[in-house]
Amino acid sequence: MLQKFANAYKLSQSQNNADLFGAAPQSSEPKIPSLKDMEKWYAESWIDEWYKNKEQTAEYKALGLAMLKQVFDDFVTNKPTAKYIEEPFSLKLGDYTIVGRLDRADLLEDNTLAIIDYKTNESPKTKNKRDVDQLRLYQ
């Protein structure tokens, strides 16, 4: 769902570039999809099957909507320049290769990237060695 939102935003950024013949774009501001669009995509991707009861389902659904509002407000306030969305990567460190996917990477004013990692799961109650190693990699 956030990928759909970010892709729509990124597409609006690319549409604000000059066309093949050098004509200026119609507007200089990328169009942020509406909160209503976000809520619609959220509802379309919602799965009711993983919750203990109807009360927990409603609680988590409301929590998700509140989080979406925060993401939306952040986009409106900061208007990021999304460079990569769901971009695969491979990083060789000594004998190890780490592979994964960037949720989003924004281009900053100084030409560096800010990597955004969307987390949707709760932290595990107990952590085994693999969980701890993964958390260290994220840090």
N, C-alpha and C. Protein backbone atom coordinates (compact mmCIF):
# COMPACT_ATOMS: atom_id res chain seq x y z
N MET A 1 0.81 -1.17 0.00
CA MET A 1 0.00 0.00 0.00
C MET A 1 0.87 1.25 0.00
N LEU A 2 1.88 1.28 0.88
CA LEU A 2 2.80 2.43 0.88
C LEU A 2 3.60 2.48 -0.42
N GLN A 3 3.88 1.30 -0.97
CA GLN A 3 4.57 1.26 -2.26
C GLN A 3 3.71 1.91 -3.34
N LYS A 4 2.43 1.63 -3.34
CA LYS A 4 1.52 2.23 -4.33
C LYS A 4 1.50 3.75 -4.18
N PHE A 5 1.42 4.22 -2.93
CA PHE A 5 1.44 5.66 -2.65
C PHE A 5 2.75 6.28 -3.13
N ALA A 6 3.88 5.67 -2.76
CA ALA A 6 5.19 6.22 -3.14
C ALA A 6 5.39 6.18 -4.65
N ASN A 7 4.92 5.13 -5.31
CA ASN A 7 5.04 5.06 -6.77
C ASN A 7 4.23 6.15 -7.45
N ALA A 8 3.01 6.41 -6.95
CA ALA A 8 2.18 7.47 -7.53
C ALA A 8 2.87 8.82 -7.36
N TYR A 9 3.47 9.02 -6.19
CA TYR A 9 4.19 10.28 -5.93
C TYR A 9 5.41 10.40 -6.84
N LYS A 10 6.18 9.32 -6.95
CA LYS A 10 7.38 9.35 -7.79
C LYS A 10 7.01 9.60 -9.25
N LEU A 11 5.93 9.00 -9.71
CA LEU A 11 5.48 9.23 -11.09
C LEU A 11 5.14 10.70 -11.30
N SER A 12 4.51 11.33 -10.32
CA SER A 12 4.17 12.75 -10.46
C SER A 12 5.45 13.60 -10.50
N GLN A 13 6.51 13.15 -9.82
CA GLN A 13 7.78 13.88 -9.87
C GLN A 13 8.37 13.81 -11.27
N SER A 14 8.33 12.63 -11.86
CA SER A 14 8.92 12.49 -13.20
C SER A 14 8.09 13.23 -14.25
N GLN A 15 6.80 13.38 -14.02
CA GLN A 15 5.96 14.11 -14.96
C GLN A 15 6.21 15.61 -14.88
N ASN A 16 6.91 16.04 -13.83
CA ASN A 16 7.21 17.46 -13.69
C ASN A 16 8.51 17.85 -14.38
N ASN A 17 9.16 16.91 -15.04
CA ASN A 17 10.37 17.22 -15.79
C ASN A 17 9.98 17.70 -17.19
N ALA A 18 10.90 18.35 -17.88
CA ALA A 18 10.63 18.81 -19.24
C ALA A 18 10.35 17.61 -20.14
N ASP A 19 9.52 17.81 -21.16
CA ASP A 19 9.24 16.72 -22.07
C ASP A 19 10.38 16.53 -23.07
N LEU A 20 10.22 15.61 -24.00
CA LEU A 20 11.28 15.30 -24.97
C LEU A 20 11.68 16.50 -25.82
N PHE A 21 10.79 17.45 -25.97
CA PHE A 21 11.07 18.60 -26.81
C PHE A 21 11.48 19.83 -26.01
N GLY A 22 11.72 19.64 -24.71
CA GLY A 22 12.21 20.73 -23.87
C GLY A 22 11.14 21.63 -23.30
N ALA A 23 9.87 21.28 -23.53
CA ALA A 23 8.79 22.10 -22.99
C ALA A 23 8.76 21.97 -21.47
N ALA A 24 8.51 23.08 -20.81
CA ALA A 24 8.46 23.09 -19.34
C ALA A 24 7.24 22.32 -18.85
N PRO A 25 7.34 21.73 -17.67
CA PRO A 25 6.18 21.03 -17.13
C PRO A 25 5.06 22.01 -16.80
N GLN A 26 3.84 21.48 -16.72
CA GLN A 26 2.69 22.34 -16.41
C GLN A 26 2.73 22.87 -14.99
N SER A 27 3.27 22.08 -14.05
CA SER A 27 3.38 22.54 -12.68
C SER A 27 4.74 22.12 -12.13
N SER A 28 5.27 22.90 -11.21
CA SER A 28 6.60 22.59 -10.70
C SER A 28 6.54 21.71 -9.46
N GLU A 29 5.39 21.55 -8.86
CA GLU A 29 5.24 20.76 -7.64
C GLU A 29 4.73 19.36 -7.97
N PRO A 30 5.41 18.32 -7.45
CA PRO A 30 4.86 16.98 -7.64
C PRO A 30 3.52 16.86 -6.91
N LYS A 31 2.63 16.06 -7.44
CA LYS A 31 1.31 15.89 -6.83
C LYS A 31 1.35 14.73 -5.85
N ILE A 32 1.08 15.04 -4.60
CA ILE A 32 1.02 14.02 -3.56
C ILE A 32 -0.36 13.38 -3.65
N PRO A 33 -0.41 12.03 -3.74
CA PRO A 33 -1.73 11.40 -3.72
C PRO A 33 -2.49 11.82 -2.46
N SER A 34 -3.78 11.85 -2.55
CA SER A 34 -4.59 12.34 -1.42
C SER A 34 -4.63 11.32 -0.28
N LEU A 35 -4.97 11.82 0.89
CA LEU A 35 -5.17 10.94 2.04
C LEU A 35 -6.31 9.97 1.75
N LYS A 36 -7.30 10.44 1.03
CA LYS A 36 -8.42 9.58 0.64
C LYS A 36 -7.93 8.41 -0.23
N ASP A 37 -6.97 8.70 -1.16
CA ASP A 37 -6.38 7.63 -1.97
C ASP A 37 -5.66 6.63 -1.08
N MET A 38 -4.86 7.14 -0.13
CA MET A 38 -4.14 6.26 0.79
C MET A 38 -5.11 5.35 1.55
N GLU A 39 -6.17 5.93 2.06
CA GLU A 39 -7.14 5.16 2.82
C GLU A 39 -7.82 4.11 1.94
N LYS A 40 -8.07 4.46 0.69
CA LYS A 40 -8.68 3.51 -0.25
C LYS A 40 -7.73 2.34 -0.50
N TRP A 41 -6.46 2.62 -0.77
CA TRP A 41 -5.47 1.56 -1.00
C TRP A 41 -5.30 0.70 0.24
N TYR A 42 -5.35 1.33 1.41
CA TYR A 42 -5.25 0.62 2.68
C TYR A 42 -6.42 -0.37 2.82
N ALA A 43 -7.62 0.11 2.56
CA ALA A 43 -8.81 -0.75 2.66
C ALA A 43 -8.73 -1.91 1.67
N GLU A 44 -8.24 -1.63 0.46
CA GLU A 44 -8.13 -2.67 -0.57
C GLU A 44 -7.11 -3.75 -0.20
N SER A 45 -6.08 -3.38 0.55
CA SER A 45 -5.04 -4.36 0.88
C SER A 45 -5.22 -4.96 2.28
N TRP A 46 -6.22 -4.52 3.02
CA TRP A 46 -6.43 -5.01 4.38
C TRP A 46 -6.87 -6.49 4.36
N ILE A 47 -6.28 -7.29 5.25
CA ILE A 47 -6.64 -8.71 5.39
C ILE A 47 -7.14 -8.91 6.82
N ASP A 48 -8.37 -9.39 6.97
CA ASP A 48 -9.00 -9.56 8.28
C ASP A 48 -8.60 -10.86 9.00
N GLU A 49 -7.91 -11.75 8.35
CA GLU A 49 -7.77 -13.12 8.83
C GLU A 49 -6.78 -13.33 9.98
N TRP A 50 -5.93 -12.39 10.32
CA TRP A 50 -4.83 -12.68 11.23
C TRP A 50 -5.05 -12.20 12.65
N TYR A 51 -6.23 -11.86 13.01
CA TYR A 51 -6.47 -11.24 14.31
C TYR A 51 -7.29 -12.17 15.20
N LYS A 52 -7.13 -12.00 16.51
CA LYS A 52 -7.77 -12.88 17.49
C LYS A 52 -9.29 -12.75 17.48
N ASN A 53 -9.77 -11.50 17.29
CA ASN A 53 -11.21 -11.26 17.34
C ASN A 53 -11.53 -9.95 16.61
N LYS A 54 -12.80 -9.62 16.54
CA LYS A 54 -13.23 -8.41 15.83
C LYS A 54 -12.71 -7.14 16.49
N GLU A 55 -12.61 -7.15 17.82
CA GLU A 55 -12.12 -5.97 18.54
C GLU A 55 -10.66 -5.70 18.18
N GLN A 56 -9.85 -6.76 18.15
CA GLN A 56 -8.43 -6.58 17.79
C GLN A 56 -8.30 -6.14 16.33
N THR A 57 -9.12 -6.68 15.47
CA THR A 57 -9.12 -6.28 14.06
C THR A 57 -9.39 -4.78 13.94
N ALA A 58 -10.44 -4.32 14.63
CA ALA A 58 -10.80 -2.90 14.57
C ALA A 58 -9.70 -2.03 15.16
N GLU A 59 -9.09 -2.49 16.26
CA GLU A 59 -8.01 -1.73 16.90
C GLU A 59 -6.81 -1.57 15.97
N TYR A 60 -6.40 -2.67 15.35
CA TYR A 60 -5.23 -2.61 14.45
C TYR A 60 -5.53 -1.81 13.19
N LYS A 61 -6.75 -1.94 12.70
CA LYS A 61 -7.13 -1.18 11.51
C LYS A 61 -7.09 0.32 11.79
N ALA A 62 -7.61 0.72 12.95
CA ALA A 62 -7.59 2.14 13.34
C ALA A 62 -6.16 2.62 13.56
N LEU A 63 -5.32 1.78 14.17
CA LEU A 63 -3.92 2.14 14.37
C LEU A 63 -3.22 2.34 13.03
N GLY A 64 -3.50 1.45 12.09
CA GLY A 64 -2.92 1.58 10.75
C GLY A 64 -3.34 2.87 10.07
N LEU A 65 -4.61 3.23 10.20
CA LEU A 65 -5.09 4.49 9.61
C LEU A 65 -4.40 5.70 10.23
N ALA A 66 -4.18 5.64 11.55
CA ALA A 66 -3.49 6.75 12.22
C ALA A 66 -2.04 6.85 11.73
N MET A 67 -1.40 5.71 11.52
CA MET A 67 -0.02 5.71 10.99
C MET A 67 0.02 6.27 9.57
N LEU A 68 -0.96 5.90 8.77
CA LEU A 68 -1.03 6.43 7.40
C LEU A 68 -1.15 7.95 7.41
N LYS A 69 -1.93 8.46 8.32
CA LYS A 69 -2.08 9.91 8.43
C LYS A 69 -0.74 10.56 8.75
N GLN A 70 0.06 9.94 9.62
CA GLN A 70 1.38 10.46 9.95
C GLN A 70 2.30 10.45 8.72
N VAL A 71 2.27 9.36 7.95
CA VAL A 71 3.08 9.27 6.73
C VAL A 71 2.64 10.35 5.75
N PHE A 72 1.33 10.48 5.58
CA PHE A 72 0.79 11.49 4.67
C PHE A 72 1.23 12.89 5.09
N ASP A 73 1.06 13.21 6.37
CA ASP A 73 1.45 14.53 6.88
C ASP A 73 2.93 14.80 6.66
N ASP A 74 3.77 13.76 6.84
CA ASP A 74 5.20 13.90 6.61
C ASP A 74 5.49 14.21 5.14
N PHE A 75 4.80 13.53 4.24
CA PHE A 75 4.98 13.81 2.80
C PHE A 75 4.60 15.24 2.48
N VAL A 76 3.47 15.69 3.01
CA VAL A 76 2.99 17.05 2.73
C VAL A 76 3.99 18.08 3.27
N THR A 77 4.50 17.85 4.47
CA THR A 77 5.43 18.78 5.11
C THR A 77 6.80 18.78 4.44
N ASN A 78 7.34 17.60 4.14
CA ASN A 78 8.73 17.49 3.68
C ASN A 78 8.89 17.34 2.17
N LYS A 79 7.85 16.94 1.48
CA LYS A 79 7.88 16.74 0.02
C LYS A 79 9.20 16.09 -0.44
N PRO A 80 9.40 14.82 -0.08
CA PRO A 80 10.66 14.16 -0.44
C PRO A 80 10.79 13.93 -1.93
N THR A 81 12.01 13.73 -2.38
CA THR A 81 12.29 13.37 -3.76
C THR A 81 12.60 11.88 -3.77
N ALA A 82 11.61 11.07 -4.08
CA ALA A 82 11.77 9.62 -4.07
C ALA A 82 12.62 9.20 -5.27
N LYS A 83 13.80 8.68 -4.99
CA LYS A 83 14.71 8.24 -6.06
C LYS A 83 14.48 6.76 -6.37
N TYR A 84 14.34 5.94 -5.32
CA TYR A 84 14.14 4.50 -5.50
C TYR A 84 12.95 4.04 -4.66
N ILE A 85 12.18 3.13 -5.21
CA ILE A 85 11.07 2.51 -4.49
C ILE A 85 11.14 1.02 -4.77
N GLU A 86 11.17 0.23 -3.68
CA GLU A 86 11.27 -1.23 -3.79
C GLU A 86 12.44 -1.63 -4.70
N GLU A 87 13.57 -1.01 -4.48
CA GLU A 87 14.76 -1.24 -5.31
C GLU A 87 15.59 -2.38 -4.71
N PRO A 88 15.86 -3.43 -5.52
CA PRO A 88 16.69 -4.52 -5.00
C PRO A 88 18.14 -4.05 -4.86
N PHE A 89 18.84 -4.65 -3.90
CA PHE A 89 20.26 -4.34 -3.74
C PHE A 89 21.01 -5.59 -3.33
N SER A 90 22.32 -5.55 -3.56
CA SER A 90 23.23 -6.61 -3.17
C SER A 90 24.50 -5.94 -2.68
N LEU A 91 24.94 -6.30 -1.48
CA LEU A 91 26.10 -5.67 -0.87
C LEU A 91 27.06 -6.74 -0.40
N LYS A 92 28.29 -6.73 -0.92
CA LYS A 92 29.30 -7.71 -0.55
C LYS A 92 30.12 -7.15 0.60
N LEU A 93 30.17 -7.90 1.71
CA LEU A 93 30.97 -7.54 2.87
C LEU A 93 31.86 -8.74 3.21
N GLY A 94 33.10 -8.68 2.82
CA GLY A 94 34.00 -9.82 3.06
C GLY A 94 33.48 -11.04 2.34
N ASP A 95 33.28 -12.12 3.09
CA ASP A 95 32.80 -13.38 2.52
C ASP A 95 31.28 -13.44 2.41
N TYR A 96 30.61 -12.40 2.86
CA TYR A 96 29.15 -12.41 2.92
C TYR A 96 28.56 -11.45 1.90
N THR A 97 27.43 -11.85 1.37
CA THR A 97 26.66 -10.98 0.48
C THR A 97 25.28 -10.77 1.10
N ILE A 98 24.94 -9.52 1.29
CA ILE A 98 23.64 -9.17 1.84
C ILE A 98 22.77 -8.72 0.67
N VAL A 99 21.61 -9.37 0.54
CA VAL A 99 20.67 -8.99 -0.51
C VAL A 99 19.37 -8.57 0.13
N GLY A 100 18.70 -7.65 -0.51
CA GLY A 100 17.43 -7.19 0.03
C GLY A 100 16.77 -6.22 -0.92
N ARG A 101 15.86 -5.46 -0.37
CA ARG A 101 15.10 -4.49 -1.15
C ARG A 101 14.93 -3.24 -0.30
N LEU A 102 15.23 -2.08 -0.88
CA LEU A 102 14.99 -0.81 -0.20
C LEU A 102 13.51 -0.48 -0.35
N ASP A 103 12.85 -0.18 0.76
CA ASP A 103 11.46 0.24 0.65
C ASP A 103 11.38 1.55 -0.13
N ARG A 104 12.22 2.49 0.27
CA ARG A 104 12.27 3.79 -0.42
C ARG A 104 13.59 4.46 -0.10
N ALA A 105 14.13 5.19 -1.07
CA ALA A 105 15.31 6.01 -0.85
C ALA A 105 15.04 7.38 -1.47
N ASP A 106 15.18 8.42 -0.64
CA ASP A 106 14.93 9.78 -1.08
C ASP A 106 16.24 10.50 -1.35
N LEU A 107 16.26 11.27 -2.42
CA LEU A 107 17.43 12.08 -2.75
C LEU A 107 17.37 13.36 -1.94
N LEU A 108 18.44 13.62 -1.19
CA LEU A 108 18.51 14.82 -0.36
C LEU A 108 19.17 15.96 -1.13
N GLU A 109 19.09 17.16 -0.59
CA GLU A 109 19.64 18.34 -1.27
C GLU A 109 21.14 18.24 -1.52
N ASP A 110 21.87 17.52 -0.64
CA ASP A 110 23.32 17.40 -0.81
C ASP A 110 23.71 16.20 -1.68
N ASN A 111 22.74 15.64 -2.43
CA ASN A 111 22.92 14.51 -3.34
C ASN A 111 23.20 13.19 -2.64
N THR A 112 22.95 13.10 -1.34
CA THR A 112 23.02 11.83 -0.64
C THR A 112 21.62 11.24 -0.59
N LEU A 113 21.54 9.99 -0.14
CA LEU A 113 20.25 9.32 -0.06
C LEU A 113 19.84 9.10 1.38
N ALA A 114 18.57 9.27 1.66
CA ALA A 114 17.98 8.89 2.94
C ALA A 114 17.20 7.61 2.68
N ILE A 115 17.55 6.54 3.38
CA ILE A 115 16.88 5.26 3.18
C ILE A 115 15.73 5.15 4.17
N ILE A 116 14.55 4.88 3.64
CA ILE A 116 13.34 4.76 4.46
C ILE A 116 12.95 3.29 4.47
N ASP A 117 12.81 2.74 5.66
CA ASP A 117 12.45 1.34 5.82
C ASP A 117 11.12 1.28 6.56
N TYR A 118 10.08 0.86 5.88
CA TYR A 118 8.77 0.76 6.51
C TYR A 118 8.69 -0.53 7.30
N LYS A 119 8.32 -0.42 8.55
CA LYS A 119 8.15 -1.60 9.40
C LYS A 119 6.67 -1.73 9.72
N THR A 120 6.14 -2.95 9.55
CA THR A 120 4.74 -3.17 9.82
C THR A 120 4.51 -4.20 10.90
N ASN A 121 5.55 -4.87 11.36
CA ASN A 121 5.40 -5.90 12.37
C ASN A 121 5.82 -5.38 13.73
N GLU A 122 5.29 -6.02 14.77
CA GLU A 122 5.73 -5.72 16.12
C GLU A 122 7.09 -6.38 16.33
N SER A 123 7.86 -5.88 17.28
CA SER A 123 9.12 -6.52 17.64
C SER A 123 8.82 -7.87 18.26
N PRO A 124 9.66 -8.87 17.97
CA PRO A 124 9.41 -10.17 18.58
C PRO A 124 9.54 -10.10 20.11
N LYS A 125 8.72 -10.90 20.81
CA LYS A 125 8.76 -10.92 22.28
C LYS A 125 10.08 -11.48 22.78
N THR A 126 10.57 -12.53 22.12
CA THR A 126 11.88 -13.09 22.46
C THR A 126 12.73 -13.02 21.21
N LYS A 127 14.00 -12.80 21.41
CA LYS A 127 14.89 -12.66 20.27
C LYS A 127 15.91 -13.79 20.28
N ASN A 128 15.96 -14.52 19.17
CA ASN A 128 17.01 -15.52 19.05
C ASN A 128 18.22 -14.87 18.38
N LYS A 129 19.30 -15.60 18.23
CA LYS A 129 20.53 -15.04 17.68
C LYS A 129 20.29 -14.45 16.29
N ARG A 130 19.51 -15.12 15.47
CA ARG A 130 19.26 -14.61 14.12
C ARG A 130 18.53 -13.27 14.16
N ASP A 131 17.53 -13.13 15.06
CA ASP A 131 16.81 -11.87 15.18
C ASP A 131 17.75 -10.74 15.58
N VAL A 132 18.63 -11.02 16.55
CA VAL A 132 19.58 -10.01 17.02
C VAL A 132 20.53 -9.61 15.90
N ASP A 133 21.02 -10.60 15.14
CA ASP A 133 21.93 -10.30 14.02
C ASP A 133 21.23 -9.43 12.98
N GLN A 134 19.96 -9.72 12.70
CA GLN A 134 19.22 -8.93 11.73
C GLN A 134 19.04 -7.50 12.23
N LEU A 135 18.73 -7.33 13.52
CA LEU A 135 18.59 -5.99 14.08
C LEU A 135 19.90 -5.22 13.99
N ARG A 136 21.00 -5.89 14.23
CA ARG A 136 22.32 -5.22 14.11
C ARG A 136 22.57 -4.75 12.69
N LEU A 137 22.17 -5.58 11.71
CA LEU A 137 22.35 -5.18 10.31
C LEU A 137 21.52 -3.94 9.99
N TYR A 138 20.30 -3.87 10.52
CA TYR A 138 19.47 -2.70 10.28
C TYR A 138 20.09 -1.45 10.87
N GLN A 139 20.73 -1.60 12.04
CA GLN A 139 21.37 -0.44 12.65
C GLN A 139 22.49 0.06 11.77
